[in-house]
Amino acid sequence: MTLVKTNNPFAKSFDGLMNDIFNELPSTFGKTVRQDVFGFPPVNIVEKNDHYHLQVAAPGFDKSDFNIKLEGETLTISAEKKEQTKSETDKVIRSEFSAKTFKRSFTLDEKIDAANISAKYENGILHVGLPKKEEVKAVTKEINIQ
């Protein structure tokens, strides 16, 4: 961050004000806005020797709430949790549960074996396995000279 001394405290530019606001906020604030305001759950992507592993933190969902589609090169993970129906005999004092939805899309490259993508939901985390295609190794052939 660059320190600039001004005599007039109101002389800051709009860009400088925005930089101060976003640079001085805690780093977790951006994550909170992404999760709470935009509804994007956090995702970890891990590359292993033979596959990529996506971990989507989505607690509170059931396995049946998720929808995973592959259209062309775009993998879309979405979920929709509907509000529970209210019983007419119960008097609700406070209700903070609400319907949740999210949608995340990822662009896959040609290294992914799309036919063998797998997914499982366990302990609030959706695990998506993206296997890599086996590399075609060049065949070495010795040619005899006649």
N, C-alpha and C. Protein backbone atom coordinates (compact mmCIF):
# COMPACT_ATOMS: atom_id res chain seq x y z
N MET A 1 0.85 -1.17 0.00
CA MET A 1 0.00 0.00 0.00
C MET A 1 0.89 1.22 0.00
N THR A 2 0.57 2.22 -0.80
CA THR A 2 1.34 3.44 -0.92
C THR A 2 0.78 4.47 0.03
N LEU A 3 1.67 5.14 0.74
CA LEU A 3 1.24 6.18 1.68
C LEU A 3 1.32 7.52 0.97
N VAL A 4 0.20 8.23 0.91
CA VAL A 4 0.14 9.54 0.28
C VAL A 4 -0.40 10.51 1.31
N LYS A 5 0.35 11.58 1.57
CA LYS A 5 -0.08 12.57 2.55
C LYS A 5 -0.79 13.71 1.82
N THR A 6 -2.02 13.99 2.25
CA THR A 6 -2.75 15.11 1.66
C THR A 6 -3.11 16.09 2.76
N ASN A 7 -3.14 17.36 2.41
CA ASN A 7 -3.52 18.38 3.38
C ASN A 7 -5.02 18.42 3.57
N ASN A 8 -5.76 18.10 2.51
CA ASN A 8 -7.22 18.12 2.57
C ASN A 8 -7.70 16.68 2.70
N PRO A 9 -8.30 16.30 3.82
CA PRO A 9 -8.73 14.91 3.98
C PRO A 9 -9.86 14.52 3.04
N PHE A 10 -10.55 15.50 2.43
CA PHE A 10 -11.65 15.21 1.52
C PHE A 10 -11.19 15.14 0.07
N ALA A 11 -9.89 15.23 -0.16
CA ALA A 11 -9.37 15.28 -1.53
C ALA A 11 -9.07 13.90 -2.11
N LYS A 12 -9.44 12.85 -1.43
CA LYS A 12 -9.17 11.51 -1.96
C LYS A 12 -10.00 11.24 -3.20
N SER A 13 -9.40 10.52 -4.10
CA SER A 13 -10.14 10.13 -5.30
C SER A 13 -11.05 8.95 -4.96
N PHE A 14 -12.00 8.70 -5.84
CA PHE A 14 -12.91 7.57 -5.64
C PHE A 14 -12.13 6.25 -5.65
N ASP A 15 -11.16 6.13 -6.57
CA ASP A 15 -10.34 4.92 -6.63
C ASP A 15 -9.57 4.71 -5.33
N GLY A 16 -9.01 5.79 -4.82
CA GLY A 16 -8.27 5.69 -3.55
C GLY A 16 -9.17 5.27 -2.41
N LEU A 17 -10.38 5.79 -2.40
CA LEU A 17 -11.34 5.43 -1.36
C LEU A 17 -11.70 3.96 -1.45
N MET A 18 -11.96 3.48 -2.67
CA MET A 18 -12.30 2.06 -2.85
C MET A 18 -11.13 1.16 -2.45
N ASN A 19 -9.91 1.56 -2.83
CA ASN A 19 -8.74 0.77 -2.45
C ASN A 19 -8.58 0.70 -0.94
N ASP A 20 -8.79 1.84 -0.27
CA ASP A 20 -8.69 1.85 1.19
C ASP A 20 -9.74 0.95 1.82
N ILE A 21 -10.96 1.02 1.30
CA ILE A 21 -12.04 0.21 1.87
C ILE A 21 -11.73 -1.27 1.70
N PHE A 22 -11.38 -1.69 0.49
CA PHE A 22 -11.19 -3.12 0.24
C PHE A 22 -9.84 -3.65 0.71
N ASN A 23 -8.82 -2.80 0.80
CA ASN A 23 -7.53 -3.27 1.30
C ASN A 23 -7.49 -3.35 2.81
N GLU A 24 -8.26 -2.53 3.48
CA GLU A 24 -8.24 -2.50 4.94
C GLU A 24 -9.20 -3.49 5.57
N LEU A 25 -10.13 -4.04 4.79
CA LEU A 25 -11.07 -5.01 5.34
C LEU A 25 -10.37 -6.33 5.59
N PRO A 26 -10.84 -7.09 6.56
CA PRO A 26 -10.24 -8.41 6.78
C PRO A 26 -10.38 -9.28 5.54
N SER A 27 -9.42 -10.17 5.37
CA SER A 27 -9.44 -11.02 4.17
C SER A 27 -10.64 -11.94 4.15
N THR A 28 -11.20 -12.28 5.29
CA THR A 28 -12.36 -13.17 5.33
C THR A 28 -13.63 -12.45 4.92
N PHE A 29 -13.62 -11.13 4.87
CA PHE A 29 -14.83 -10.40 4.49
C PHE A 29 -15.23 -10.74 3.06
N GLY A 30 -14.25 -10.85 2.16
CA GLY A 30 -14.55 -11.20 0.77
C GLY A 30 -15.21 -12.56 0.66
N LYS A 31 -14.75 -13.50 1.48
CA LYS A 31 -15.35 -14.83 1.48
C LYS A 31 -16.78 -14.77 1.98
N THR A 32 -17.02 -13.98 3.01
CA THR A 32 -18.36 -13.86 3.57
C THR A 32 -19.32 -13.25 2.56
N VAL A 33 -18.89 -12.23 1.85
CA VAL A 33 -19.74 -11.61 0.83
C VAL A 33 -20.05 -12.61 -0.27
N ARG A 34 -19.04 -13.37 -0.71
CA ARG A 34 -19.24 -14.35 -1.77
C ARG A 34 -20.25 -15.40 -1.33
N GLN A 35 -20.15 -15.85 -0.08
CA GLN A 35 -21.03 -16.90 0.40
C GLN A 35 -22.42 -16.36 0.73
N ASP A 36 -22.49 -15.26 1.46
CA ASP A 36 -23.78 -14.78 1.97
C ASP A 36 -24.56 -13.96 0.96
N VAL A 37 -23.90 -13.05 0.27
CA VAL A 37 -24.60 -12.16 -0.65
C VAL A 37 -24.82 -12.84 -2.00
N PHE A 38 -23.78 -13.41 -2.55
CA PHE A 38 -23.89 -14.01 -3.88
C PHE A 38 -24.30 -15.47 -3.84
N GLY A 39 -24.25 -16.10 -2.67
CA GLY A 39 -24.70 -17.48 -2.53
C GLY A 39 -23.75 -18.51 -3.10
N PHE A 40 -22.48 -18.16 -3.29
CA PHE A 40 -21.50 -19.12 -3.80
C PHE A 40 -20.89 -19.88 -2.63
N PRO A 41 -21.02 -21.19 -2.60
CA PRO A 41 -20.33 -21.92 -1.54
C PRO A 41 -18.84 -22.00 -1.85
N PRO A 42 -18.01 -22.09 -0.84
CA PRO A 42 -16.57 -22.20 -1.10
C PRO A 42 -16.22 -23.54 -1.72
N VAL A 43 -15.22 -23.51 -2.60
CA VAL A 43 -14.81 -24.70 -3.34
C VAL A 43 -13.30 -24.86 -3.21
N ASN A 44 -12.87 -26.08 -2.92
CA ASN A 44 -11.45 -26.43 -2.98
C ASN A 44 -11.24 -27.28 -4.22
N ILE A 45 -10.16 -27.01 -4.95
CA ILE A 45 -9.82 -27.82 -6.12
C ILE A 45 -8.41 -28.35 -5.90
N VAL A 46 -8.30 -29.67 -5.89
CA VAL A 46 -7.02 -30.33 -5.64
C VAL A 46 -6.66 -31.15 -6.87
N GLU A 47 -5.40 -31.00 -7.33
CA GLU A 47 -4.94 -31.82 -8.45
C GLU A 47 -4.09 -32.95 -7.92
N LYS A 48 -4.43 -34.15 -8.35
CA LYS A 48 -3.65 -35.33 -8.00
C LYS A 48 -3.07 -35.90 -9.29
N ASN A 49 -2.30 -36.97 -9.19
CA ASN A 49 -1.65 -37.52 -10.39
C ASN A 49 -2.63 -37.94 -11.46
N ASP A 50 -3.73 -38.59 -11.06
CA ASP A 50 -4.64 -39.15 -12.05
C ASP A 50 -6.01 -38.48 -12.11
N HIS A 51 -6.26 -37.48 -11.26
CA HIS A 51 -7.56 -36.81 -11.29
C HIS A 51 -7.51 -35.47 -10.56
N TYR A 52 -8.57 -34.69 -10.77
CA TYR A 52 -8.80 -33.47 -10.01
C TYR A 52 -9.91 -33.78 -9.01
N HIS A 53 -9.89 -33.13 -7.87
CA HIS A 53 -10.90 -33.38 -6.84
C HIS A 53 -11.49 -32.02 -6.43
N LEU A 54 -12.79 -31.86 -6.66
CA LEU A 54 -13.51 -30.65 -6.24
C LEU A 54 -14.21 -30.95 -4.93
N GLN A 55 -14.10 -30.05 -3.98
CA GLN A 55 -14.82 -30.15 -2.71
C GLN A 55 -15.67 -28.90 -2.58
N VAL A 56 -16.98 -29.07 -2.57
CA VAL A 56 -17.91 -27.95 -2.45
C VAL A 56 -18.52 -28.01 -1.06
N ALA A 57 -18.27 -26.98 -0.24
CA ALA A 57 -18.84 -26.94 1.11
C ALA A 57 -20.28 -26.49 1.00
N ALA A 58 -21.21 -27.42 1.21
CA ALA A 58 -22.64 -27.13 1.08
C ALA A 58 -23.42 -27.84 2.19
N PRO A 59 -23.22 -27.42 3.43
CA PRO A 59 -23.94 -28.08 4.52
C PRO A 59 -25.43 -27.73 4.48
N GLY A 60 -26.23 -28.63 4.99
CA GLY A 60 -27.67 -28.39 5.07
C GLY A 60 -28.46 -28.88 3.87
N PHE A 61 -27.79 -29.43 2.89
CA PHE A 61 -28.46 -29.96 1.71
C PHE A 61 -28.58 -31.47 1.83
N ASP A 62 -29.49 -32.03 1.07
CA ASP A 62 -29.60 -33.48 0.92
C ASP A 62 -28.99 -33.85 -0.43
N LYS A 63 -28.65 -35.11 -0.57
CA LYS A 63 -28.07 -35.58 -1.83
C LYS A 63 -29.00 -35.30 -3.01
N SER A 64 -30.29 -35.40 -2.77
CA SER A 64 -31.27 -35.20 -3.85
C SER A 64 -31.43 -33.73 -4.24
N ASP A 65 -30.89 -32.80 -3.46
CA ASP A 65 -30.99 -31.37 -3.77
C ASP A 65 -30.01 -30.93 -4.86
N PHE A 66 -28.98 -31.74 -5.13
CA PHE A 66 -27.93 -31.35 -6.06
C PHE A 66 -28.26 -31.75 -7.49
N ASN A 67 -27.75 -30.96 -8.43
CA ASN A 67 -27.86 -31.25 -9.84
C ASN A 67 -26.49 -30.92 -10.46
N ILE A 68 -25.88 -31.92 -11.08
CA ILE A 68 -24.58 -31.74 -11.72
C ILE A 68 -24.74 -32.05 -13.19
N LYS A 69 -24.38 -31.06 -14.04
CA LYS A 69 -24.52 -31.22 -15.49
C LYS A 69 -23.19 -30.90 -16.16
N LEU A 70 -22.94 -31.62 -17.24
CA LEU A 70 -21.80 -31.32 -18.09
C LEU A 70 -22.34 -31.00 -19.47
N GLU A 71 -22.18 -29.75 -19.88
CA GLU A 71 -22.61 -29.30 -21.20
C GLU A 71 -21.39 -28.78 -21.94
N GLY A 72 -20.96 -29.54 -22.91
CA GLY A 72 -19.74 -29.15 -23.63
C GLY A 72 -18.56 -29.22 -22.69
N GLU A 73 -17.90 -28.11 -22.48
CA GLU A 73 -16.75 -28.04 -21.58
C GLU A 73 -17.11 -27.43 -20.23
N THR A 74 -18.39 -27.16 -19.99
CA THR A 74 -18.80 -26.49 -18.75
C THR A 74 -19.47 -27.47 -17.80
N LEU A 75 -18.88 -27.60 -16.61
CA LEU A 75 -19.45 -28.41 -15.54
C LEU A 75 -20.20 -27.46 -14.62
N THR A 76 -21.49 -27.70 -14.44
CA THR A 76 -22.32 -26.84 -13.60
C THR A 76 -22.83 -27.64 -12.41
N ILE A 77 -22.57 -27.12 -11.23
CA ILE A 77 -23.04 -27.73 -10.00
C ILE A 77 -24.06 -26.77 -9.40
N SER A 78 -25.27 -27.25 -9.19
CA SER A 78 -26.29 -26.40 -8.60
C SER A 78 -27.03 -27.20 -7.53
N ALA A 79 -27.68 -26.46 -6.64
CA ALA A 79 -28.47 -27.10 -5.58
C ALA A 79 -29.62 -26.18 -5.22
N GLU A 80 -30.72 -26.79 -4.86
CA GLU A 80 -31.89 -26.02 -4.44
C GLU A 80 -32.52 -26.73 -3.26
N LYS A 81 -32.60 -26.03 -2.15
CA LYS A 81 -33.24 -26.56 -0.95
C LYS A 81 -34.50 -25.75 -0.74
N LYS A 82 -35.62 -26.40 -0.82
CA LYS A 82 -36.90 -25.72 -0.70
C LYS A 82 -37.30 -25.58 0.77
N GLU A 83 -38.10 -24.59 1.04
CA GLU A 83 -38.59 -24.40 2.41
C GLU A 83 -39.49 -25.55 2.79
N GLN A 84 -39.41 -25.91 4.04
CA GLN A 84 -40.26 -26.99 4.53
C GLN A 84 -41.67 -26.47 4.68
N THR A 85 -42.63 -27.34 4.45
CA THR A 85 -44.02 -26.94 4.61
C THR A 85 -44.32 -26.78 6.08
N LYS A 86 -45.12 -25.77 6.38
CA LYS A 86 -45.44 -25.46 7.77
C LYS A 86 -46.71 -26.19 8.18
N SER A 87 -46.69 -26.70 9.37
CA SER A 87 -47.87 -27.35 9.91
C SER A 87 -48.83 -26.28 10.40
N GLU A 88 -50.09 -26.46 10.14
CA GLU A 88 -51.08 -25.46 10.55
C GLU A 88 -51.36 -25.50 12.04
N THR A 89 -50.97 -26.58 12.71
CA THR A 89 -51.23 -26.69 14.14
C THR A 89 -50.12 -26.07 14.97
N ASP A 90 -48.95 -25.88 14.38
CA ASP A 90 -47.83 -25.32 15.13
C ASP A 90 -47.79 -23.81 15.00
N LYS A 91 -47.47 -23.16 16.11
CA LYS A 91 -47.30 -21.71 16.11
C LYS A 91 -45.80 -21.43 16.03
N VAL A 92 -45.37 -20.80 14.94
CA VAL A 92 -43.96 -20.52 14.75
C VAL A 92 -43.61 -19.22 15.46
N ILE A 93 -42.69 -19.31 16.41
CA ILE A 93 -42.25 -18.13 17.16
C ILE A 93 -41.20 -17.37 16.37
N ARG A 94 -40.29 -18.11 15.77
CA ARG A 94 -39.22 -17.51 14.97
C ARG A 94 -38.85 -18.49 13.88
N SER A 95 -38.65 -18.00 12.67
CA SER A 95 -38.26 -18.86 11.56
C SER A 95 -37.11 -18.19 10.80
N GLU A 96 -35.92 -18.74 10.97
CA GLU A 96 -34.74 -18.18 10.29
C GLU A 96 -34.26 -19.07 9.16
N PHE A 97 -34.82 -20.27 9.03
CA PHE A 97 -34.47 -21.14 7.92
C PHE A 97 -35.13 -20.60 6.67
N SER A 98 -34.43 -20.67 5.57
CA SER A 98 -35.01 -20.22 4.31
C SER A 98 -34.55 -21.14 3.19
N ALA A 99 -35.15 -20.93 2.04
CA ALA A 99 -34.75 -21.72 0.87
C ALA A 99 -33.35 -21.30 0.46
N LYS A 100 -32.53 -22.27 0.10
CA LYS A 100 -31.17 -21.99 -0.33
C LYS A 100 -31.00 -22.50 -1.76
N THR A 101 -30.31 -21.74 -2.56
CA THR A 101 -29.94 -22.20 -3.89
C THR A 101 -28.54 -21.68 -4.20
N PHE A 102 -27.84 -22.40 -5.04
CA PHE A 102 -26.58 -21.90 -5.57
C PHE A 102 -26.31 -22.57 -6.90
N LYS A 103 -25.42 -21.95 -7.65
CA LYS A 103 -25.02 -22.49 -8.95
C LYS A 103 -23.58 -22.07 -9.18
N ARG A 104 -22.70 -23.04 -9.42
CA ARG A 104 -21.31 -22.77 -9.74
C ARG A 104 -20.97 -23.48 -11.04
N SER A 105 -20.21 -22.83 -11.88
CA SER A 105 -19.80 -23.42 -13.16
C SER A 105 -18.29 -23.42 -13.26
N PHE A 106 -17.76 -24.48 -13.86
CA PHE A 106 -16.33 -24.64 -14.04
C PHE A 106 -16.08 -25.06 -15.49
N THR A 107 -15.06 -24.48 -16.11
CA THR A 107 -14.70 -24.84 -17.48
C THR A 107 -13.65 -25.94 -17.41
N LEU A 108 -13.94 -27.04 -18.05
CA LEU A 108 -13.02 -28.17 -18.07
C LEU A 108 -12.19 -28.15 -19.34
N ASP A 109 -10.99 -28.64 -19.24
CA ASP A 109 -10.16 -28.70 -20.45
C ASP A 109 -10.19 -30.11 -21.03
N GLU A 110 -9.43 -30.30 -22.08
CA GLU A 110 -9.47 -31.57 -22.80
C GLU A 110 -8.79 -32.69 -22.03
N LYS A 111 -8.14 -32.41 -20.91
CA LYS A 111 -7.47 -33.44 -20.12
C LYS A 111 -8.46 -34.28 -19.30
N ILE A 112 -9.70 -33.81 -19.14
CA ILE A 112 -10.67 -34.48 -18.28
C ILE A 112 -11.41 -35.57 -19.04
N ASP A 113 -11.53 -36.73 -18.42
CA ASP A 113 -12.30 -37.85 -18.96
C ASP A 113 -13.75 -37.66 -18.53
N ALA A 114 -14.54 -36.98 -19.35
CA ALA A 114 -15.90 -36.60 -18.99
C ALA A 114 -16.82 -37.78 -18.74
N ALA A 115 -16.55 -38.91 -19.35
CA ALA A 115 -17.41 -40.08 -19.19
C ALA A 115 -17.31 -40.70 -17.80
N ASN A 116 -16.27 -40.39 -17.07
CA ASN A 116 -16.05 -41.04 -15.77
C ASN A 116 -16.08 -40.07 -14.59
N ILE A 117 -16.74 -38.93 -14.73
CA ILE A 117 -16.86 -37.99 -13.61
C ILE A 117 -17.76 -38.62 -12.55
N SER A 118 -17.36 -38.50 -11.30
CA SER A 118 -18.14 -39.08 -10.20
C SER A 118 -18.40 -38.02 -9.14
N ALA A 119 -19.42 -38.28 -8.31
CA ALA A 119 -19.75 -37.33 -7.24
C ALA A 119 -20.36 -38.08 -6.06
N LYS A 120 -20.08 -37.58 -4.87
CA LYS A 120 -20.75 -38.09 -3.67
C LYS A 120 -20.85 -36.95 -2.66
N TYR A 121 -21.89 -37.02 -1.85
CA TYR A 121 -22.16 -35.99 -0.84
C TYR A 121 -22.00 -36.63 0.52
N GLU A 122 -21.10 -36.05 1.33
CA GLU A 122 -20.78 -36.66 2.60
C GLU A 122 -20.43 -35.58 3.62
N ASN A 123 -21.11 -35.59 4.76
CA ASN A 123 -20.84 -34.67 5.87
C ASN A 123 -20.84 -33.20 5.45
N GLY A 124 -21.78 -32.81 4.61
CA GLY A 124 -21.91 -31.42 4.21
C GLY A 124 -20.99 -30.98 3.10
N ILE A 125 -20.23 -31.90 2.54
CA ILE A 125 -19.30 -31.56 1.45
C ILE A 125 -19.60 -32.43 0.24
N LEU A 126 -19.78 -31.77 -0.90
CA LEU A 126 -19.97 -32.48 -2.16
C LEU A 126 -18.60 -32.73 -2.76
N HIS A 127 -18.27 -33.99 -2.98
CA HIS A 127 -16.99 -34.39 -3.56
C HIS A 127 -17.22 -34.75 -5.03
N VAL A 128 -16.52 -34.09 -5.93
CA VAL A 128 -16.63 -34.37 -7.37
C VAL A 128 -15.26 -34.80 -7.86
N GLY A 129 -15.20 -36.00 -8.44
CA GLY A 129 -13.95 -36.52 -8.99
C GLY A 129 -13.92 -36.33 -10.49
N LEU A 130 -12.88 -35.69 -10.96
CA LEU A 130 -12.70 -35.42 -12.39
C LEU A 130 -11.44 -36.15 -12.86
N PRO A 131 -11.60 -37.39 -13.36
CA PRO A 131 -10.42 -38.15 -13.77
C PRO A 131 -9.76 -37.56 -15.01
N LYS A 132 -8.45 -37.67 -15.02
CA LYS A 132 -7.69 -37.20 -16.18
C LYS A 132 -7.66 -38.32 -17.22
N LYS A 133 -7.63 -37.92 -18.47
CA LYS A 133 -7.46 -38.91 -19.55
C LYS A 133 -6.02 -39.41 -19.51
N GLU A 134 -5.88 -40.67 -19.88
CA GLU A 134 -4.53 -41.20 -19.95
C GLU A 134 -3.82 -40.57 -21.14
N GLU A 135 -2.60 -40.18 -20.91
CA GLU A 135 -1.83 -39.56 -21.98
C GLU A 135 -1.43 -40.62 -22.99
N VAL A 136 -1.55 -40.27 -24.23
CA VAL A 136 -1.13 -41.19 -25.28
C VAL A 136 0.38 -41.06 -25.40
N LYS A 137 1.04 -42.15 -25.07
CA LYS A 137 2.50 -42.12 -25.11
C LYS A 137 2.97 -42.45 -26.53
N ALA A 138 3.98 -41.77 -26.94
CA ALA A 138 4.55 -42.03 -28.28
C ALA A 138 5.17 -43.43 -28.27
N VAL A 139 4.85 -44.16 -29.28
CA VAL A 139 5.38 -45.52 -29.41
C VAL A 139 6.78 -45.42 -30.01
N THR A 140 7.70 -46.06 -29.33
CA THR A 140 9.06 -46.07 -29.83
C THR A 140 9.27 -47.35 -30.61
N LYS A 141 9.70 -47.19 -31.83
CA LYS A 141 9.90 -48.34 -32.69
C LYS A 141 11.27 -48.22 -33.34
N GLU A 142 11.98 -49.30 -33.25
CA GLU A 142 13.30 -49.29 -33.87
C GLU A 142 13.16 -49.76 -35.31
N ILE A 143 13.73 -49.05 -36.22
CA ILE A 143 13.64 -49.38 -37.65
C ILE A 143 14.99 -49.90 -38.10
N ASN A 144 14.96 -51.09 -38.65
CA ASN A 144 16.20 -51.69 -39.17
C ASN A 144 16.54 -51.13 -40.52
N ILE A 145 17.80 -50.91 -40.74
CA ILE A 145 18.29 -50.40 -42.03
C ILE A 145 18.71 -51.59 -42.89
N GLN A 146 18.23 -51.64 -44.10
CA GLN A 146 18.55 -52.75 -45.00
C GLN A 146 19.66 -52.39 -45.96
